[in-house]
C-alpha atoms as a PDB file:
ATOM      1  CA  MET A   1     -22.362  -0.167  -5.881  1.00  0.00           C
ATOM      2  CA  THR A   2     -19.237  -0.021  -3.294  1.00  0.00           C
ATOM      3  CA  ALA A   3     -16.016   2.362  -2.540  1.00  0.00           C
ATOM      4  CA  LYS A   4     -12.989   0.155  -2.370  1.00  0.00           C
ATOM      5  CA  ASN A   5      -9.405   0.926  -1.286  1.00  0.00           C
ATOM      6  CA  TRP A   6      -6.366  -1.417  -2.983  1.00  0.00           C
ATOM      7  CA  ASN A   7      -4.776  -2.973   0.187  1.00  0.00           C
ATOM      8  CA  ALA A   8      -1.507  -5.000  -1.463  1.00  0.00           C
ATOM      9  CA  SER A   9       1.307  -3.972  -3.177  1.00  0.00           C
ATOM     10  CA  TYR A  10       0.355  -6.841  -6.022  1.00  0.00           C
ATOM     11  CA  GLY A  11      -1.945  -9.013  -6.861  1.00  0.00           C
ATOM     12  CA  LEU A  12      -5.402 -10.053  -8.714  1.00  0.00           C
ATOM     13  CA  PHE A  13      -7.670  -7.536  -9.346  1.00  0.00           C
ATOM     14  CA  SER A  14     -10.292 -10.172  -8.814  1.00  0.00           C
ATOM     15  CA  SER A  15      -8.618 -11.454  -5.361  1.00  0.00           C
ATOM     16  CA  GLY A  16     -11.181  -9.996  -2.729  1.00  0.00           C
ATOM     17  CA  ALA A  17      -8.756  -9.943  -0.006  1.00  0.00           C
ATOM     18  CA  ASN A  18      -6.567  -7.072  -1.613  1.00  0.00           C
ATOM     19  CA  TRP A  19      -9.645  -4.659  -1.658  1.00  0.00           C
ATOM     20  CA  THR A  20     -10.947  -3.159   1.513  1.00  0.00           C
ATOM     21  CA  PRO A  21     -13.612  -3.595   2.501  1.00  0.00           C
ATOM     22  CA  GLY A  22     -13.022  -7.033   1.095  1.00  0.00           C
ATOM     23  CA  GLY A  23     -15.052  -9.048  -2.052  1.00  0.00           C
ATOM     24  CA  ALA A  24     -13.995  -8.893  -5.779  1.00  0.00           C
ATOM     25  CA  PRO A  25     -14.920  -5.735  -7.514  1.00  0.00           C
ATOM     26  CA  ALA A  26     -17.862  -5.542  -9.283  1.00  0.00           C
ATOM     27  CA  PRO A  27     -19.807  -2.997 -12.142  1.00  0.00           C
ATOM     28  CA  GLY A  28     -20.617  -0.125 -10.248  1.00  0.00           C
ATOM     29  CA  ASP A  29     -17.536   0.524  -7.679  1.00  0.00           C
ATOM     30  CA  THR A  30     -15.062   3.331  -6.736  1.00  0.00           C
ATOM     31  CA  LEU A  31     -11.774   1.285  -6.402  1.00  0.00           C
ATOM     32  CA  ASP A  32      -8.936   3.496  -5.427  1.00  0.00           C
ATOM     33  CA  VAL A  33      -5.158   2.728  -5.662  1.00  0.00           C
ATOM     34  CA  PRO A  34      -3.171   4.582  -3.709  1.00  0.00           C
ATOM     35  CA  SER A  35      -0.319   2.382  -4.185  1.00  0.00           C
ATOM     36  CA  GLY A  36       0.512  -1.091  -5.347  1.00  0.00           C
ATOM     37  CA  VAL A  37      -0.005  -3.224  -8.746  1.00  0.00           C
ATOM     38  CA  PRO A  38      -3.853  -4.743  -9.028  1.00  0.00           C
ATOM     39  CA  ILE A  39      -3.600  -7.031 -12.257  1.00  0.00           C
ATOM     40  CA  LEU A  40      -6.608  -7.821 -14.672  1.00  0.00           C
ATOM     41  CA  PHE A  41      -5.894 -10.574 -16.902  1.00  0.00           C
ATOM     42  CA  ASN A  42      -7.672 -12.475 -19.606  1.00  0.00           C
ATOM     43  CA  GLN A  43     -11.314 -10.727 -17.984  1.00  0.00           C
ATOM     44  CA  THR A  44     -13.755  -8.094 -18.634  1.00  0.00           C
ATOM     45  CA  PHE A  45     -14.532  -5.518 -16.148  1.00  0.00           C
ATOM     46  CA  GLY A  46     -17.597  -3.197 -16.010  1.00  0.00           C
ATOM     47  CA  SER A  47     -20.729  -3.337 -17.104  1.00  0.00           C
ATOM     48  CA  ALA A  48     -22.831  -0.493 -20.156  1.00  0.00           C
ATOM     49  CA  SER A  49     -25.723  -0.162 -18.330  1.00  0.00           C
ATOM     50  CA  VAL A  50     -23.844   1.223 -15.089  1.00  0.00           C
ATOM     51  CA  ALA A  51     -20.237   3.172 -14.992  1.00  0.00           C
ATOM     52  CA  SER A  52     -16.934   2.131 -12.489  1.00  0.00           C
ATOM     53  CA  SER A  53     -14.207   3.820 -11.598  1.00  0.00           C
ATOM     54  CA  ILE A  54     -10.391   3.006 -11.010  1.00  0.00           C
ATOM     55  CA  GLY A  55      -8.240   5.572  -9.247  1.00  0.00           C
ATOM     56  CA  LEU A  56      -5.044   5.699  -9.663  1.00  0.00           C
ATOM     57  CA  THR A  57      -4.151   7.988  -6.593  1.00  0.00           C
ATOM     58  CA  SER A  58      -0.608   8.061  -5.872  1.00  0.00           C
ATOM     59  CA  THR A  59       0.571  11.297  -4.983  1.00  0.00           C
ATOM     60  CA  ASP A  60       4.018  10.735  -5.343  1.00  0.00           C
ATOM     61  CA  ALA A  61       5.350  10.966  -8.940  1.00  0.00           C
ATOM     62  CA  SER A  62       8.520   8.865  -8.483  1.00  0.00           C
ATOM     63  CA  GLN A  63       6.471   5.852  -7.542  1.00  0.00           C
ATOM     64  CA  PRO A  64       3.246   6.065  -8.875  1.00  0.00           C
ATOM     65  CA  SER A  65      -0.006   4.113  -9.009  1.00  0.00           C
ATOM     66  CA  LYS A  66      -0.138   1.035 -11.320  1.00  0.00           C
ATOM     67  CA  LEU A  67      -2.741  -1.055 -12.932  1.00  0.00           C
ATOM     68  CA  VAL A  68      -2.029  -4.032 -15.549  1.00  0.00           C
ATOM     69  CA  ALA A  69      -4.768  -4.480 -17.769  1.00  0.00           C
ATOM     70  CA  TRP A  70      -3.877  -8.020 -20.068  1.00  0.00           C
ATOM     71  CA  ASN A  71      -6.083  -9.027 -23.054  1.00  0.00           C
ATOM     72  CA  THR A  72      -8.712  -7.707 -20.772  1.00  0.00           C
ATOM     73  CA  THR A  73     -12.013  -5.668 -21.695  1.00  0.00           C
ATOM     74  CA  LEU A  74     -13.422  -2.479 -19.681  1.00  0.00           C
ATOM     75  CA  THR A  75     -16.636  -1.639 -20.112  1.00  0.00           C
ATOM     76  CA  ASN A  76     -17.951   1.863 -19.082  1.00  0.00           C
ATOM     77  CA  VAL A  77     -14.929   2.154 -16.808  1.00  0.00           C
ATOM     78  CA  THR A  78     -13.599   5.346 -15.631  1.00  0.00           C
ATOM     79  CA  ILE A  79      -9.853   5.371 -15.030  1.00  0.00           C
ATOM     80  CA  ASN A  80      -8.254   8.451 -13.472  1.00  0.00           C
ATOM     81  CA  ASN A  81      -6.466  10.096 -10.864  1.00  0.00           C
ATOM     82  CA  THR A  82      -9.406  11.044  -8.657  1.00  0.00           C
ATOM     83  CA  PRO A  83      -9.415   9.649  -5.173  1.00  0.00           C
ATOM     84  CA  PHE A  84     -12.725   8.896  -3.288  1.00  0.00           C
ATOM     85  CA  TYR A  85     -14.288  11.271  -0.866  1.00  0.00           C
ATOM     86  CA  SER A  86     -18.167  11.222  -0.228  1.00  0.00           C
ATOM     87  CA  GLY A  87     -17.594  13.800   2.486  1.00  0.00           C
ATOM     88  CA  PRO A  88     -18.599  17.394   2.899  1.00  0.00           C
ATOM     89  CA  VAL A  89     -17.487  20.165   0.486  1.00  0.00           C
ATOM     90  CA  GLY A  90     -14.667  21.442   1.376  1.00  0.00           C
ATOM     91  CA  GLN A  91     -14.053  19.113   4.567  1.00  0.00           C
ATOM     92  CA  TRP A  92     -11.702  16.536   2.124  1.00  0.00           C
ATOM     93  CA  PRO A  93      -7.916  15.604   3.405  1.00  0.00           C
ATOM     94  CA  ALA A  94      -5.547  17.674   3.481  1.00  0.00           C
ATOM     95  CA  ASN A  95      -3.840  16.195   0.307  1.00  0.00           C
ATOM     96  CA  TYR A  96      -6.828  15.653  -1.372  1.00  0.00           C
ATOM     97  CA  THR A  97      -5.871  18.461  -3.635  1.00  0.00           C
ATOM     98  CA  THR A  98      -2.344  17.055  -4.238  1.00  0.00           C
ATOM     99  CA  PRO A  99      -1.571  16.264  -7.742  1.00  0.00           C
ATOM    100  CA  ARG A 100      -2.035  12.210  -8.450  1.00  0.00           C
ATOM    101  CA  HIS A 101       0.231  10.294 -10.523  1.00  0.00           C
ATOM    102  CA  GLY A 102      -0.653   6.709 -12.235  1.00  0.00           C
ATOM    103  CA  VAL A 103       0.319   4.318 -14.759  1.00  0.00           C
ATOM    104  CA  LEU A 104      -1.875   1.855 -16.871  1.00  0.00           C
ATOM    105  CA  LEU A 105       0.304  -1.197 -18.134  1.00  0.00           C
ATOM    106  CA  VAL A 106      -1.468  -2.805 -20.981  1.00  0.00           C
ATOM    107  CA  GLY A 107      -0.507  -6.317 -22.787  1.00  0.00           C
ATOM    108  CA  GLY A 108      -2.371  -8.110 -25.539  1.00  0.00           C
ATOM    109  CA  THR A 109      -5.503  -6.772 -26.934  1.00  0.00           C
ATOM    110  CA  THR A 110      -7.219  -4.607 -24.229  1.00  0.00           C
ATOM    111  CA  THR A 111     -10.130  -2.534 -25.151  1.00  0.00           C
ATOM    112  CA  ASN A 112     -11.606   0.916 -23.289  1.00  0.00           C
ATOM    113  CA  ASP A 113     -14.851  -0.330 -24.247  1.00  0.00           C
ATOM    114  CA  GLY A 114     -16.939   3.039 -24.017  1.00  0.00           C
ATOM    115  CA  GLY A 115     -14.815   3.917 -20.448  1.00  0.00           C
ATOM    116  CA  THR A 116     -12.819   7.623 -20.192  1.00  0.00           C
ATOM    117  CA  ILE A 117      -8.925   7.012 -19.542  1.00  0.00           C
ATOM    118  CA  THR A 118      -7.911  10.486 -17.768  1.00  0.00           C
ATOM    119  CA  SER A 119      -5.891  12.724 -16.105  1.00  0.00           C
ATOM    120  CA  GLU A 120      -8.242  15.357 -15.606  1.00  0.00           C
ATOM    121  CA  ARG A 121      -9.348  15.768 -12.049  1.00  0.00           C
ATOM    122  CA  TYR A 122     -12.089  18.315 -10.249  1.00  0.00           C
ATOM    123  CA  VAL A 123     -13.475  18.439  -6.730  1.00  0.00           C
ATOM    124  CA  ILE A 124     -17.033  18.301  -5.845  1.00  0.00           C
ATOM    125  CA  THR A 125     -17.020  22.043  -6.663  1.00  0.00           C
ATOM    126  CA  GLY A 126     -16.139  21.622 -10.137  1.00  0.00           C
ATOM    127  CA  GLN A 127     -12.742  23.584  -9.673  1.00  0.00           C
ATOM    128  CA  PRO A 128     -10.058  21.653 -11.672  1.00  0.00           C
ATOM    129  CA  ILE A 129      -7.027  20.351  -9.515  1.00  0.00           C
ATOM    130  CA  TYR A 130      -3.568  20.760 -11.885  1.00  0.00           C
ATOM    131  CA  ASP A 131      -0.771  18.838 -12.494  1.00  0.00           C
ATOM    132  CA  ASN A 132      -1.747  15.081 -12.974  1.00  0.00           C
ATOM    133  CA  SER A 133      -0.067  12.455 -14.955  1.00  0.00           C
ATOM    134  CA  LEU A 134      -1.230   9.613 -16.143  1.00  0.00           C
ATOM    135  CA  ASP A 135       0.888   7.154 -18.381  1.00  0.00           C
ATOM    136  CA  ILE A 136      -0.369   4.194 -20.517  1.00  0.00           C
ATOM    137  CA  VAL A 137       2.140   2.129 -21.722  1.00  0.00           C
ATOM    138  CA  VAL A 138       1.382  -0.852 -23.939  1.00  0.00           C
ATOM    139  CA  ALA A 139       3.814  -3.668 -24.170  1.00  0.00           C
ATOM    140  CA  PRO A 140       5.401  -4.780 -27.387  1.00  0.00           C
ATOM    141  CA  GLN A 141       3.201  -6.830 -29.794  1.00  0.00           C
ATOM    142  CA  SER A 142       0.304  -5.577 -27.868  1.00  0.00           C
ATOM    143  CA  THR A 143      -2.760  -3.402 -29.031  1.00  0.00           C
ATOM    144  CA  LEU A 144      -5.267  -0.561 -26.764  1.00  0.00           C
ATOM    145  CA  ILE A 145      -8.177  -0.553 -28.884  1.00  0.00           C
ATOM    146  CA  ASN A 146      -9.804   2.753 -27.783  1.00  0.00           C
ATOM    147  CA  LYS A 147     -13.900   2.713 -27.664  1.00  0.00           C
ATOM    148  CA  GLY A 148     -14.219   5.774 -25.924  1.00  0.00           C
ATOM    149  CA  SER A 149     -12.362   8.432 -24.874  1.00  0.00           C
ATOM    150  CA  ILE A 150      -8.461   9.191 -23.598  1.00  0.00           C
ATOM    151  CA  ASN A 151      -7.962  12.863 -22.314  1.00  0.00           C
ATOM    152  CA  ALA A 152      -6.070  15.275 -20.366  1.00  0.00           C
ATOM    153  CA  GLY A 153      -7.385  17.821 -18.244  1.00  0.00           C
ATOM    154  CA  LEU A 154      -6.272  21.614 -17.719  1.00  0.00           C
ATOM    155  CA  GLU A 155      -2.540  21.503 -17.286  1.00  0.00           C
ATOM    156  CA  ASP A 156      -2.692  17.735 -16.720  1.00  0.00           C
ATOM    157  CA  THR A 157      -0.294  14.920 -18.885  1.00  0.00           C
ATOM    158  CA  THR A 158      -1.272  11.951 -20.462  1.00  0.00           C
ATOM    159  CA  THR A 159       0.853   9.781 -22.696  1.00  0.00           C
ATOM    160  CA  VAL A 160       0.730   6.574 -24.290  1.00  0.00           C
ATOM    161  CA  SER A 161       3.609   5.184 -25.162  1.00  0.00           C
ATOM    162  CA  GLY A 162       5.086   1.394 -26.442  1.00  0.00           C
ATOM    163  CA  TYR A 163       7.555  -1.162 -27.792  1.00  0.00           C
ATOM    164  CA  GLY A 164       8.438  -2.958 -30.819  1.00  0.00           C
ATOM    165  CA  GLY A 165       5.214  -3.534 -32.228  1.00  0.00           C
ATOM    166  CA  SER A 166       2.645  -1.775 -30.002  1.00  0.00           C
ATOM    167  CA  ALA A 167      -0.591  -0.047 -31.318  1.00  0.00           C
ATOM    168  CA  LEU A 168      -3.205   3.080 -30.192  1.00  0.00           C
ATOM    169  CA  GLU A 169      -5.875   1.897 -32.240  1.00  0.00           C
ATOM    170  CA  ASN A 170      -8.263   4.920 -31.956  1.00  0.00           C
ATOM    171  CA  ASP A 171     -11.820   4.119 -33.043  1.00  0.00           C
ATOM    172  CA  GLY A 172     -13.133   6.635 -30.367  1.00  0.00           C
ATOM    173  CA  ARG A 173     -11.623  10.148 -29.236  1.00  0.00           C
ATOM    174  CA  ILE A 174      -8.589  11.197 -27.799  1.00  0.00           C
ATOM    175  CA  LEU A 175      -8.661  15.080 -26.169  1.00  0.00           C
ATOM    176  CA  ALA A 176      -6.074  17.476 -25.269  1.00  0.00           C
ATOM    177  CA  ASN A 177      -8.693  19.279 -23.227  1.00  0.00           C
ATOM    178  CA  GLY A 178      -6.094  22.293 -21.960  1.00  0.00           C
ATOM    179  CA  GLY A 179      -3.799  19.573 -21.416  1.00  0.00           C
ATOM    180  CA  LYS A 180      -1.336  17.627 -23.365  1.00  0.00           C
ATOM    181  CA  VAL A 181      -1.506  14.094 -24.683  1.00  0.00           C
ATOM    182  CA  THR A 182       1.546  12.615 -25.862  1.00  0.00           C
ATOM    183  CA  ILE A 183       1.772   9.104 -28.228  1.00  0.00           C
ATOM    184  CA  SER A 184       4.339   7.694 -29.249  1.00  0.00           C
ATOM    185  CA  THR A 185       3.513   4.501 -30.220  1.00  0.00           C
ATOM    186  CA  ASP A 186       1.352   4.087 -33.600  1.00  0.00           C
ATOM    187  CA  LEU A 187      -1.817   5.447 -33.857  1.00  0.00           C
ATOM    188  CA  THR A 188      -4.092   3.766 -36.363  1.00  0.00           C
ATOM    189  CA  GLY A 189      -7.832   3.938 -36.353  1.00  0.00           C
ATOM    190  CA  THR A 190     -10.801   5.775 -37.460  1.00  0.00           C
ATOM    191  CA  GLY A 191     -11.342   8.229 -34.440  1.00  0.00           C
ATOM    192  CA  SER A 192     -10.728  11.844 -33.503  1.00  0.00           C
ATOM    193  CA  VAL A 193      -8.273  13.508 -31.755  1.00  0.00           C
ATOM    194  CA  GLU A 194      -8.670  16.969 -30.422  1.00  0.00           C
ATOM    195  CA  ALA A 195      -6.815  19.877 -29.057  1.00  0.00           C
ATOM    196  CA  SER A 196      -9.289  22.305 -27.151  1.00  0.00           C
ATOM    197  CA  GLY A 197      -8.820  24.408 -24.349  1.00  0.00           C
ATOM    198  CA  GLY A 198      -8.715  28.705 -22.996  1.00  0.00           C
ATOM    199  CA  SER A 199      -6.249  31.612 -23.400  1.00  0.00           C
ATOM    200  CA  ARG A 200      -5.043  30.102 -19.773  1.00  0.00           C
ATOM    201  CA  SER A 201      -3.744  26.707 -21.582  1.00  0.00           C
ATOM    202  CA  PRO A 202      -4.511  25.806 -24.945  1.00  0.00           C
ATOM    203  CA  GLY A 203      -4.724  21.445 -25.129  1.00  0.00           C
ATOM    204  CA  SER A 204      -1.496  20.441 -26.624  1.00  0.00           C
ATOM    205  CA  LEU A 205      -1.122  17.384 -28.871  1.00  0.00           C
ATOM    206  CA  GLU A 206       2.406  15.559 -29.532  1.00  0.00           C
ATOM    207  CA  LEU A 207       2.141  12.521 -32.089  1.00  0.00           C
ATOM    208  CA  GLY A 208       5.710  10.843 -32.114  1.00  0.00           C
ATOM    209  CA  ALA A 209       5.083   7.655 -34.390  1.00  0.00           C
ATOM    210  CA  ALA A 210       3.679   6.439 -37.352  1.00  0.00           C
ATOM    211  CA  VAL A 211      -0.423   8.004 -38.000  1.00  0.00           C
ATOM    212  CA  ASP A 212      -2.778   6.223 -39.568  1.00  0.00           C
ATOM    213  CA  ALA A 213      -4.969   8.141 -42.760  1.00  0.00           C
ATOM    214  CA  GLY A 214      -8.343   7.462 -40.513  1.00  0.00           C
ATOM    215  CA  GLN A 215      -7.031   9.262 -38.059  1.00  0.00           C
ATOM    216  CA  THR A 216      -8.795  13.411 -37.812  1.00  0.00           C
ATOM    217  CA  ILE A 217      -6.569  15.855 -35.678  1.00  0.00           C
ATOM    218  CA  ASN A 218      -9.032  18.841 -34.814  1.00  0.00           C
ATOM    219  CA  LEU A 219      -6.805  21.902 -33.440  1.00  0.00           C
ATOM    220  CA  THR A 220     -10.477  23.497 -31.648  1.00  0.00           C
ATOM    221  CA  PHE A 221      -7.876  25.688 -29.389  1.00  0.00           C
ATOM    222  CA  GLY A 222      -4.628  24.075 -29.402  1.00  0.00           C
ATOM    223  CA  SER A 223      -1.111  23.032 -30.675  1.00  0.00           C
ATOM    224  CA  LEU A 224      -0.051  19.815 -32.929  1.00  0.00           C
ATOM    225  CA  GLN A 225       3.544  18.629 -33.035  1.00  0.00           C
ATOM    226  CA  ILE A 226       4.516  16.486 -35.207  1.00  0.00           C
ATOM    227  CA  ASP A 227       7.727  14.265 -34.710  1.00  0.00           C
ATOM    228  CA  GLN A 228       7.529  12.133 -37.814  1.00  0.00           C
ATOM    229  CA  PRO A 229       6.111  14.292 -40.872  1.00  0.00           C
ATOM    230  CA  ALA A 230       6.657  11.162 -43.471  1.00  0.00           C
ATOM    231  CA  SER A 231       4.885   9.059 -41.220  1.00  0.00           C
ATOM    232  CA  PHE A 232       1.538  11.238 -40.464  1.00  0.00           C
ATOM    233  CA  LEU A 233      -1.016  10.390 -43.182  1.00  0.00           C
ATOM    234  CA  GLY A 234      -3.544  11.613 -41.088  1.00  0.00           C
ATOM    235  CA  GLN A 235      -5.780  15.016 -42.047  1.00  0.00           C
ATOM    236  CA  VAL A 236      -5.420  18.034 -39.983  1.00  0.00           C
ATOM    237  CA  ALA A 237      -8.776  20.528 -39.263  1.00  0.00           C
ATOM    238  CA  LEU A 238      -7.244  23.766 -38.457  1.00  0.00           C
ATOM    239  CA  GLY A 239      -9.727  25.633 -36.337  1.00  0.00           C
ATOM    240  CA  ARG A 240      -7.077  27.931 -33.810  1.00  0.00           C
ATOM    241  CA  GLY A 241      -4.415  26.071 -33.584  1.00  0.00           C
ATOM    242  CA  GLY A 242      -1.118  25.770 -34.915  1.00  0.00           C
ATOM    243  CA  VAL A 243       0.880  22.495 -36.436  1.00  0.00           C
ATOM    244  CA  VAL A 244       5.112  21.534 -35.666  1.00  0.00           C
ATOM    245  CA  LEU A 245       6.505  19.566 -38.868  1.00  0.00           C
ATOM    246  CA  GLU A 246       9.709  18.212 -36.524  1.00  0.00           C
ATOM    247  CA  GLY A 247      12.894  17.760 -38.721  1.00  0.00           C
ATOM    248  CA  LEU A 248      11.352  19.505 -42.055  1.00  0.00           C
ATOM    249  CA  GLN A 249      13.797  21.699 -43.691  1.00  0.00           C
ATOM    250  CA  ALA A 250      11.455  23.249 -46.170  1.00  0.00           C
ATOM    251  CA  GLN A 251      12.465  26.563 -48.436  1.00  0.00           C
ATOM    252  CA  SER A 252       8.498  27.359 -49.768  1.00  0.00           C
ATOM    253  CA  TRP A 253       4.754  26.021 -49.595  1.00  0.00           C
ATOM    254  CA  ASP A 254       1.691  25.584 -51.366  1.00  0.00           C
ATOM    255  CA  LEU A 255      -1.873  24.885 -51.050  1.00  0.00           C
ATOM    256  CA  SER A 256      -3.607  22.704 -53.532  1.00  0.00           C
ATOM    257  CA  GLY A 257      -7.300  21.741 -52.358  1.00  0.00           C
ATOM    258  CA  ASN A 258      -6.704  20.027 -49.303  1.00  0.00           C
ATOM    259  CA  ALA A 259      -2.879  19.144 -49.850  1.00  0.00           C
ATOM    260  CA  MET A 260      -0.365  21.531 -48.034  1.00  0.00           C
ATOM    261  CA  GLU A 261       2.831  20.880 -49.716  1.00  0.00           C
ATOM    262  CA  PHE A 262       6.120  21.706 -48.610  1.00  0.00           C
ATOM    263  CA  PHE A 263       9.324  22.138 -50.953  1.00  0.00           C
ATOM    264  CA  ASP A 264      13.016  22.187 -51.017  1.00  0.00           C
ATOM    265  CA  ALA A 265      15.260  24.793 -52.457  1.00  0.00           C
ATOM    266  CA  ALA A 266      14.651  22.698 -56.058  1.00  0.00           C
ATOM    267  CA  GLY A 267      10.984  22.872 -55.806  1.00  0.00           C
ATOM    268  CA  ALA A 268      10.770  19.692 -54.874  1.00  0.00           C
ATOM    269  CA  VAL A 269       8.078  18.245 -52.756  1.00  0.00           C
ATOM    270  CA  ILE A 270       9.682  16.799 -49.857  1.00  0.00           C
ATOM    271  CA  ASP A 271       6.004  16.473 -47.375  1.00  0.00           C
ATOM    272  CA  THR A 272       2.525  17.052 -47.757  1.00  0.00           C
ATOM    273  CA  LEU A 273       0.131  17.630 -45.385  1.00  0.00           C
ATOM    274  CA  ARG A 274      -3.846  17.399 -45.494  1.00  0.00           C
ATOM    275  CA  LEU A 275      -6.129  19.087 -44.189  1.00  0.00           C
ATOM    276  CA  ALA A 276      -9.825  18.121 -43.042  1.00  0.00           C
ATOM    277  CA  THR A 277     -11.469  21.627 -44.434  1.00  0.00           C
ATOM    278  CA  PRO A 278     -10.596  23.694 -47.275  1.00  0.00           C
ATOM    279  CA  THR A 279      -8.255  26.769 -46.056  1.00  0.00           C
ATOM    280  CA  ASP A 280      -7.513  29.759 -47.587  1.00  0.00           C
ATOM    281  CA  PRO A 281      -4.143  30.060 -47.941  1.00  0.00           C
ATOM    282  CA  ALA A 282      -3.826  33.807 -46.651  1.00  0.00           C
ATOM    283  CA  THR A 283      -5.266  32.899 -43.496  1.00  0.00           C
ATOM    284  CA  LEU A 284      -2.331  30.803 -42.795  1.00  0.00           C
ATOM    285  CA  ASN A 285       1.176  32.213 -41.938  1.00  0.00           C
ATOM    286  CA  VAL A 286       3.896  29.318 -42.126  1.00  0.00           C
ATOM    287  CA  TYR A 287       7.363  29.793 -40.837  1.00  0.00           C
ATOM    288  CA  ALA A 288      10.792  27.446 -40.908  1.00  0.00           C
ATOM    289  CA  THR A 289      12.072  27.351 -37.394  1.00  0.00           C
ATOM    290  CA  SER A 290      14.517  25.488 -35.307  1.00  0.00           C
ATOM    291  CA  ASN A 291      15.057  23.808 -31.854  1.00  0.00           C
ATOM    292  CA  ALA A 292      17.145  21.428 -30.210  1.00  0.00           C
ATOM    293  CA  THR A 293      15.685  18.729 -30.210  1.00  0.00           C
ATOM    294  CA  TYR A 294      15.049  18.216 -33.869  1.00  0.00           C
ATOM    295  CA  GLY A 295      16.859  20.844 -35.464  1.00  0.00           C
ATOM    296  CA  SER A 296      14.901  22.345 -38.141  1.00  0.00           C
ATOM    297  CA  ALA A 297      11.207  22.811 -38.151  1.00  0.00           C
ATOM    298  CA  VAL A 298       7.910  23.959 -40.135  1.00  0.00           C
ATOM    299  CA  SER A 299       4.945  25.715 -38.243  1.00  0.00           C
ATOM    300  CA  VAL A 300       2.170  26.110 -39.411  1.00  0.00           C
ATOM    301  CA  ASN A 301      -0.177  28.534 -37.795  1.00  0.00           C
ATOM    302  CA  HIS A 302      -4.254  29.347 -37.875  1.00  0.00           C
ATOM    303  CA  GLY A 303      -6.154  32.075 -35.754  1.00  0.00           C
ATOM    304  CA  PHE A 304      -3.717  34.048 -33.197  1.00  0.00           C
ATOM    305  CA  PHE A 305      -1.245  30.978 -33.103  1.00  0.00           C
ATOM    306  CA  GLY A 306       2.767  31.572 -33.949  1.00  0.00           C
ATOM    307  CA  PRO A 307       5.628  29.238 -33.356  1.00  0.00           C
ATOM    308  CA  GLY A 308       6.444  27.249 -30.134  1.00  0.00           C
ATOM    309  CA  GLN A 309       8.255  29.365 -27.581  1.00  0.00           C
ATOM    310  CA  SER A 310      11.723  26.650 -27.972  1.00  0.00           C
ATOM    311  CA  ASP A 311      12.043  27.622 -30.993  1.00  0.00           C
ATOM    312  CA  THR A 312      14.620  30.064 -32.629  1.00  0.00           C
ATOM    313  CA  THR A 313      13.402  33.113 -34.103  1.00  0.00           C
ATOM    314  CA  PRO A 314      10.977  31.914 -37.165  1.00  0.00           C
ATOM    315  CA  VAL A 315      11.485  32.742 -40.961  1.00  0.00           C
ATOM    316  CA  LEU A 316       8.700  33.592 -42.704  1.00  0.00           C
ATOM    317  CA  LEU A 317       8.604  31.110 -45.479  1.00  0.00           C
ATOM    318  CA  PRO A 318       7.595  32.622 -49.108  1.00  0.00           C
ATOM    319  CA  TYR A 319       4.349  30.632 -50.889  1.00  0.00           C
ATOM    320  CA  TYR A 320       5.918  28.479 -54.152  1.00  0.00           C
ATOM    321  CA  THR A 321       5.812  29.864 -57.288  1.00  0.00           C
ATOM    322  CA  ALA A 322       7.131  27.828 -59.867  1.00  0.00           C
ATOM    323  CA  ALA A 323       9.234  31.108 -60.545  1.00  0.00           C
ATOM    324  CA  ALA A 324      10.684  31.033 -57.281  1.00  0.00           C
ATOM    325  CA  ALA A 325      11.989  27.610 -57.659  1.00  0.00           C
END
């Protein structure tokens, strides 16, 4: 259980010469990558019985630290933005609380097995450090399987993007804990996705590609932006939260069972949003809005949430009746 720093520009993760102190990383180690690119290729790292961590800790957002994981299984490994420090509380280096930035490049079939991939950072005293970023990039025809958690901390950002044929299979948990998680590759699996936080910073989720029916989005205290409503097959649990359906031009809506339907001017259904739990229509405020990026949109709000600040003046949508059509 050793603390090690990456000392090369790029090279194999398993090469002991690329680490200081020397020696190949072992389960239980705390690894710090302030710059450079370690490469994991066709291997397994970590152990279910002891936690390991890899910190991607560049202070330069334009030159983030990188980690490549290709056909790799990471077992009980935390990938984060936290530089290693073991000294007295409050005596850390001057740049210790500077925001950190990292990129995880994933290829083939790579699995997060019981670990955490997160931009969330705290100092030893428990005080959060804001504005960290962790970008996960999935290569073409590749899949990242999440059997642990993918998180964004308070006012931090975590993104998952991909190229042709890429996917994130979420069989664990994705959490925007007062920060923002953006997923712009297809989302499959049977896991959960949650936005939570507090009045200072509610969690924020943006789903930019297709979402399978096995995904449940829990809005404990936060918002959800769905960029492709027609490809969203998941279900949403409305706690204290709001949902924005981008590009949707609806004139009215109704709620039948757990299915929220949106209608055009002729009374035809143009989209359906599945709710995870029975919801009283009287507790919902539904607006037609617009913004510069997507044009028209529909905002569904439960609790105190309202249309996003970037939206134009919202128009309250009426509840659908056959006579109105």
